[in-house]
Protein backbone atom coordinates (compact mmCIF):
# COMPACT_ATOMS: atom_id res chain seq x y z
CA MET A 1 -6.92 15.78 -35.96
CA PHE A 2 -6.14 15.16 -32.31
CA GLY A 3 -9.84 14.37 -31.55
CA LYS A 4 -10.17 11.49 -34.00
CA GLU A 5 -7.06 9.99 -33.12
CA VAL A 6 -7.11 10.10 -29.44
CA ARG A 7 -10.37 9.68 -27.99
CA GLY A 8 -11.87 10.19 -24.90
CA GLN A 9 -9.36 13.24 -23.90
CA GLU A 10 -10.67 16.24 -24.63
CA LYS A 11 -9.19 18.62 -22.11
CA ALA A 12 -6.11 17.38 -22.74
CA ILE A 13 -6.27 17.75 -26.46
CA TYR A 14 -7.78 21.07 -26.24
CA ALA A 15 -4.75 22.22 -24.21
CA ILE A 16 -2.31 20.87 -26.86
CA THR A 17 -4.35 22.24 -29.82
CA CYS A 18 -3.80 25.68 -28.10
CA LEU A 19 -0.12 25.21 -27.46
CA ILE A 20 0.96 24.33 -31.25
CA LYS A 21 -0.17 27.74 -32.17
CA ARG A 22 3.01 29.02 -29.99
CA GLU A 23 6.24 29.58 -31.99
CA VAL A 24 8.16 28.16 -28.90
CA LEU A 25 6.49 25.41 -27.01
CA PRO A 26 7.44 24.60 -23.38
CA THR A 27 8.66 21.07 -22.01
CA LEU A 28 5.58 19.12 -21.42
CA ILE A 29 4.59 16.30 -19.17
CA PHE A 30 1.81 14.01 -20.10
CA TYR A 31 0.71 12.17 -17.16
CA GLY A 32 -2.04 9.63 -16.45
CA PRO A 33 -3.10 6.02 -16.03
CA GLU A 34 -1.16 3.66 -18.57
CA GLY A 35 -2.56 2.94 -21.83
CA VAL A 36 -4.92 5.92 -22.29
CA GLY A 37 -3.32 7.87 -25.17
CA LYS A 38 -0.54 9.72 -23.61
CA ARG A 39 2.22 8.37 -26.25
CA ARG A 40 -0.32 8.42 -29.21
CA ALA A 41 -0.50 12.28 -28.40
CA ALA A 42 3.17 12.62 -28.22
CA TYR A 43 3.65 11.18 -31.59
CA ILE A 44 0.61 13.18 -33.14
CA LEU A 45 2.16 16.53 -31.44
CA ALA A 46 5.57 15.77 -33.02
CA ARG A 47 4.01 15.07 -36.52
CA THR A 48 1.64 18.01 -36.50
CA ILE A 49 4.44 20.76 -35.66
CA ASN A 50 6.30 19.41 -38.26
CA CYS A 51 3.59 18.88 -40.96
CA SER A 52 4.13 21.37 -44.05
CA ASP A 53 0.72 20.79 -45.83
CA GLY A 54 -1.99 22.03 -43.00
CA GLY A 55 -2.42 18.52 -41.09
CA GLU A 56 -3.23 16.56 -44.40
CA ASN A 57 -0.39 14.07 -43.40
CA SER A 58 0.71 13.74 -46.68
CA CYS A 59 3.98 15.89 -46.81
CA SER A 60 7.47 14.23 -46.65
CA SER A 61 7.69 15.12 -42.91
CA CYS A 62 4.30 13.12 -41.93
CA ARG A 63 5.48 10.32 -44.29
CA GLN A 64 8.44 9.65 -42.56
CA MET A 65 6.92 9.94 -39.14
CA GLU A 66 4.39 7.23 -39.81
CA LYS A 67 6.98 5.18 -40.91
CA GLY A 68 9.32 5.82 -38.05
CA ILE A 69 12.34 7.10 -39.91
CA HIS A 70 11.60 10.84 -38.95
CA PRO A 71 15.23 12.57 -38.33
CA ASP A 72 13.79 15.05 -35.77
CA LEU A 73 11.92 12.60 -33.88
CA VAL A 74 13.98 10.76 -30.80
CA VAL A 75 11.99 8.42 -28.49
CA LEU A 76 13.93 7.59 -25.20
CA GLU A 77 12.96 4.94 -23.51
CA SER A 78 14.34 2.76 -20.29
CA ASN A 79 17.37 0.35 -20.33
CA ASN A 80 16.94 -2.47 -17.96
CA GLY A 81 14.61 -0.44 -15.96
CA SER A 82 16.29 2.75 -16.06
CA ILE A 83 17.36 5.97 -18.17
CA LYS A 84 20.87 6.45 -17.58
CA VAL A 85 22.88 9.74 -17.90
CA ASP A 86 24.75 8.57 -21.05
CA SER A 87 21.25 8.23 -22.68
CA ILE A 88 20.60 11.98 -21.58
CA ARG A 89 24.05 13.18 -22.85
CA GLU A 90 23.47 11.86 -26.14
CA VAL A 91 20.05 13.77 -26.44
CA ILE A 92 21.80 16.82 -25.50
CA LYS A 93 24.58 16.67 -28.22
CA SER A 94 21.62 16.19 -30.71
CA ALA A 95 19.59 18.70 -29.28
CA TYR A 96 22.12 21.28 -30.41
CA LEU A 97 22.11 20.23 -33.84
CA LYS A 98 19.58 22.17 -36.10
CA PRO A 99 16.29 20.36 -37.21
CA PHE A 100 16.03 18.72 -40.43
CA TYR A 101 12.14 19.97 -40.66
CA LYS A 102 10.95 22.68 -38.05
CA LYS A 103 11.29 21.30 -34.70
CA LYS A 104 13.37 18.68 -33.03
CA VAL A 105 10.94 16.31 -30.84
CA TYR A 106 12.30 14.58 -27.88
CA ILE A 107 9.88 12.08 -26.30
CA ILE A 108 11.00 10.78 -22.98
CA ASP A 109 8.96 7.41 -22.40
CA ASP A 110 8.05 6.86 -18.60
CA ALA A 111 10.36 9.65 -17.45
CA SER A 112 9.74 8.70 -13.80
CA LEU A 113 12.55 6.16 -14.69
CA LEU A 114 15.45 8.52 -14.90
CA THR A 115 18.24 8.02 -12.89
CA PRO A 116 19.15 11.07 -10.41
CA GLU A 117 22.08 11.55 -12.67
CA ALA A 118 20.18 11.52 -15.74
CA SER A 119 17.82 14.36 -14.17
CA SER A 120 20.32 16.45 -13.20
CA CYS A 121 22.10 16.46 -16.61
CA LEU A 122 18.58 17.17 -18.47
CA LEU A 123 17.77 19.81 -16.06
CA LYS A 124 20.28 22.08 -17.77
CA THR A 125 19.14 21.86 -21.14
CA LEU A 126 15.57 22.19 -19.52
CA GLU A 127 16.15 25.32 -18.04
CA GLU A 128 17.33 27.00 -21.34
CA PRO A 129 16.56 24.54 -24.53
CA PRO A 130 17.00 25.65 -28.14
CA LEU A 131 14.01 27.49 -29.76
CA TYR A 132 13.53 24.82 -32.25
CA CYS A 133 13.51 21.52 -29.40
CA VAL A 134 10.22 20.36 -27.96
CA PHE A 135 11.02 17.67 -24.87
CA ILE A 136 7.85 15.55 -23.80
CA LEU A 137 7.99 13.55 -20.72
CA ILE A 138 5.45 10.64 -20.33
CA THR A 139 4.59 9.23 -16.83
CA ASN A 140 2.19 7.39 -15.24
CA SER A 141 2.78 8.95 -12.02
CA ILE A 142 3.95 12.68 -11.91
CA PRO A 143 5.21 12.42 -8.42
CA ALA A 144 7.87 10.00 -9.22
CA ILE A 145 9.77 12.77 -11.67
CA PHE A 146 11.91 14.78 -9.67
CA SER A 147 10.89 18.12 -8.66
CA THR A 148 13.00 20.21 -10.01
CA ILE A 149 12.23 18.72 -13.44
CA ARG A 150 8.53 19.09 -12.81
CA SER A 151 9.01 22.56 -11.88
CA ARG A 152 10.24 23.29 -15.58
CA CYS A 153 7.47 21.76 -17.48
CA LEU A 154 3.94 22.17 -18.26
CA PRO A 155 1.71 19.24 -17.15
CA ILE A 156 -1.07 17.76 -19.10
CA ARG A 157 -3.22 15.14 -17.50
CA PHE A 158 -4.56 12.30 -19.54
CA ARG A 159 -7.56 10.81 -17.61
CA ARG A 160 -9.09 7.21 -17.84
CA GLN A 161 -11.50 6.82 -20.78
CA THR A 162 -15.16 5.75 -20.20
CA GLU A 163 -15.75 2.28 -20.51
CA GLU A 164 -18.14 3.17 -23.17
CA ILE A 165 -15.15 4.92 -25.10
CA GLN A 166 -13.13 2.14 -24.23
CA ARG A 167 -15.42 -0.26 -26.04
CA GLU A 168 -15.76 1.61 -29.20
CA ILE A 169 -11.80 2.11 -29.43
CA LEU A 170 -11.54 -1.68 -28.99
CA LEU A 171 -14.25 -2.61 -31.51
CA ASP A 172 -12.44 -0.15 -33.88
CA LEU A 173 -8.94 -2.33 -33.23
CA GLY A 174 -10.82 -5.47 -34.08
CA VAL A 175 -11.56 -7.04 -30.54
CA ASP A 176 -14.57 -9.60 -30.53
CA ARG A 177 -17.59 -7.85 -28.83
CA LYS A 178 -18.11 -10.81 -26.51
CA ASP A 179 -14.43 -10.48 -24.88
CA ILE A 180 -14.72 -6.64 -24.44
CA ASP A 181 -15.80 -6.43 -20.98
CA ASP A 182 -13.50 -8.93 -19.35
CA LEU A 183 -10.65 -7.54 -21.47
CA ILE A 184 -11.42 -3.64 -19.63
CA LYS A 185 -11.78 -5.35 -16.32
CA PHE A 186 -8.61 -7.47 -16.78
CA SER A 187 -6.74 -4.34 -17.97
CA GLY A 188 -8.00 -1.68 -15.54
CA GLY A 189 -8.98 0.16 -18.16
CA SER A 190 -5.48 0.56 -19.92
CA LEU A 191 -6.43 0.19 -23.81
CA SER A 192 -2.55 -0.77 -24.52
CA ARG A 193 -2.77 -3.30 -21.88
CA ALA A 194 -5.96 -4.69 -23.51
CA MET A 195 -4.61 -5.13 -26.70
CA GLU A 196 -1.81 -6.69 -25.19
CA TYR A 197 -4.45 -9.16 -23.38
CA LYS A 198 -6.45 -10.01 -26.66
CA GLY A 199 -6.40 -13.51 -27.57
CA LEU A 200 -5.07 -14.71 -24.14
CA ASN A 201 -6.53 -17.87 -22.87
CA LEU A 202 -8.36 -16.43 -19.95
CA SER A 203 -9.27 -19.61 -18.42
CA LEU A 204 -5.67 -20.99 -18.54
CA LYS A 205 -4.85 -17.57 -16.64
CA GLU A 206 -7.29 -18.11 -13.97
CA SER A 207 -5.57 -21.82 -13.62
CA GLN A 208 -2.37 -20.33 -13.04
CA ILE A 209 -3.45 -17.64 -10.57
CA GLU A 210 -5.41 -20.29 -8.50
CA LYS A 211 -1.94 -22.26 -8.58
CA TRP A 212 -0.40 -19.20 -7.25
CA PHE A 213 -2.51 -18.54 -4.40
CA ALA A 214 -2.28 -22.14 -3.49
CA SER A 215 1.62 -21.96 -3.26
CA PHE A 216 1.11 -19.44 -0.24
CA LYS A 217 0.39 -22.88 1.80
CA THR A 218 3.49 -24.76 0.79
CA LYS A 219 5.96 -21.85 0.21
CA ASN A 220 7.70 -19.04 2.13
CA ALA A 221 6.88 -15.61 1.07
CA ILE A 222 10.40 -14.54 -0.19
CA ASP A 223 10.53 -17.63 -2.51
CA ILE A 224 7.26 -16.62 -3.92
CA ALA A 225 8.17 -13.03 -4.12
CA GLU A 226 11.55 -14.31 -6.17
CA ASP A 227 9.23 -16.10 -8.43
CA ILE A 228 7.39 -12.75 -9.37
CA LEU A 229 10.77 -11.11 -9.68
CA PHE A 230 11.82 -13.73 -12.16
CA ALA A 231 8.91 -12.91 -14.65
CA GLU A 232 10.16 -9.35 -14.70
CA LYS A 233 8.33 -8.75 -18.06
CA SER A 234 5.04 -10.25 -17.19
CA PHE A 235 4.32 -9.67 -13.26
CA PRO A 236 2.56 -6.25 -13.98
CA GLN A 237 0.19 -8.33 -16.12
CA PHE A 238 0.19 -11.12 -13.52
CA LEU A 239 -1.05 -8.59 -10.70
CA ASP A 240 -3.72 -7.52 -12.82
CA PHE A 241 -5.27 -10.98 -13.31
CA ALA A 242 -4.84 -11.61 -9.83
CA ILE A 243 -7.10 -8.62 -8.73
CA PHE A 244 -9.48 -9.51 -11.69
CA TYR A 245 -9.80 -13.17 -10.22
CA LEU A 246 -10.10 -11.93 -6.48
CA GLU A 247 -12.90 -9.36 -7.39
CA LYS A 248 -15.18 -12.36 -8.35
CA GLU A 249 -16.03 -12.66 -4.68
CA LEU A 250 -15.11 -8.98 -3.62
CA PRO A 251 -15.86 -8.99 0.39
CA LEU A 252 -14.39 -12.02 0.85
CA HIS A 253 -10.96 -11.37 -0.70
CA LEU A 254 -11.00 -7.41 0.17
CA GLU A 255 -7.44 -7.73 2.52
CA ARG A 256 -5.75 -9.51 -0.64
CA ILE A 257 -6.74 -7.31 -3.08
CA GLU A 258 -5.60 -4.01 -0.87
CA ALA A 259 -2.41 -6.02 -0.33
CA ILE A 260 -1.80 -6.32 -4.36
CA LEU A 261 -3.17 -2.74 -5.09
CA GLU A 262 -0.80 -1.38 -2.46
CA ALA A 263 2.25 -2.95 -4.11
CA LYS A 264 1.18 -1.79 -7.66
CA GLU A 265 1.09 1.64 -6.31
CA TYR A 266 4.57 1.51 -4.91
CA LEU A 267 5.83 0.16 -7.75
CA LEU A 268 4.39 3.10 -9.70
CA LEU A 269 6.44 5.30 -7.73
CA ASN A 270 9.77 3.44 -8.77
CA ALA A 271 10.06 1.66 -5.04
CA ASN A 272 12.60 -1.18 -4.76
CA ARG A 273 10.83 -3.93 -6.77
CA ARG A 274 12.10 -6.61 -4.72
CA LEU A 275 11.26 -5.38 -0.88
CA THR A 276 7.87 -4.19 -2.47
CA LEU A 277 7.10 -7.46 -3.80
CA GLU A 278 8.19 -9.48 -0.66
CA ASN A 279 6.15 -7.00 1.50
CA MET A 280 3.25 -8.01 -0.56
CA CYS A 281 3.75 -11.57 -0.38
CA PHE A 282 4.21 -11.51 3.12
CA LYS A 283 0.86 -9.55 3.68
CA LEU A 284 -0.60 -12.22 1.49
CA GLN A 285 0.72 -15.15 3.35
CA GLU A 286 -0.49 -13.66 6.63
CA VAL A 287 -4.01 -13.68 5.25
CA CYS A 288 -3.46 -17.19 4.03
CA ASN A 289 -2.91 -18.49 7.52
CA ASP A 290 -5.75 -16.67 9.15
CA ARG A 291 -8.05 -18.13 6.96
CA ASP A 292 -7.95 -21.81 5.78
CA SER A 293 -10.28 -20.97 2.41
CA TRP A 294 -7.30 -18.93 1.08
CA PHE A 295 -7.51 -19.93 -2.30
CA SER A 296 -11.26 -21.19 -2.60
CA LEU A 297 -13.50 -19.16 -4.22
CA SER A 298 -16.32 -21.24 -4.31
């Protein structure tokens, strides 16, 4: 079941399959790059442990899971960039109510966004969770989760799939064959991001990147960072496109790529967004001042 629905993650799937046989599952952390199947695997695990027909996916529990109305599945996501203690308190209240089916499953998506108060509150439950509860924490960066939380979880690593497997999956999802290689490069190997980018006008994106690089000649770094912050939902995508654009002439733009990659790494570790982006823009502008050919790729 898992192998067919989450491809290219054989080691992770083997570990999860072994765990399913247990009566009591430990708290799990699914970690690894964005868009490689962590969330999908968590949903399939929730469906499997509540299935009553031997994995045929035709029982009432499986049907409710597919429709997104399962009474024993709770997915907790960030609100305005963090997961706050009030959300965790609600989870804990419901965790001590018995399940409708077999197990109550709590998926905490992007668990690195738990506030210190929320982490402390959750920790008490993770120390002695109800026997019928399963907690699955999902993160791109395991060091960003509090060490006290990590110490009570079993980590399962998801790796980036090979380009061959990514191509197969994207073809199955209806992506045009001629666009696949560019999508894989733009998305950095994240399949979920590749599907987000599907249908985008890549030429228009390149034009926007060129204008952004040109702005370092006329605007100060703080204002440029402010512009990126203003587009909060799209700036991770924007940084991906900027790297792809610069990689066309890699030796010439290595310093710029390194500055953007460093910023992306700090953002994954929940560093202050404003300070991180301002620091990145200062570094990019410094390179701009050193070289007249800053935004020329010809």
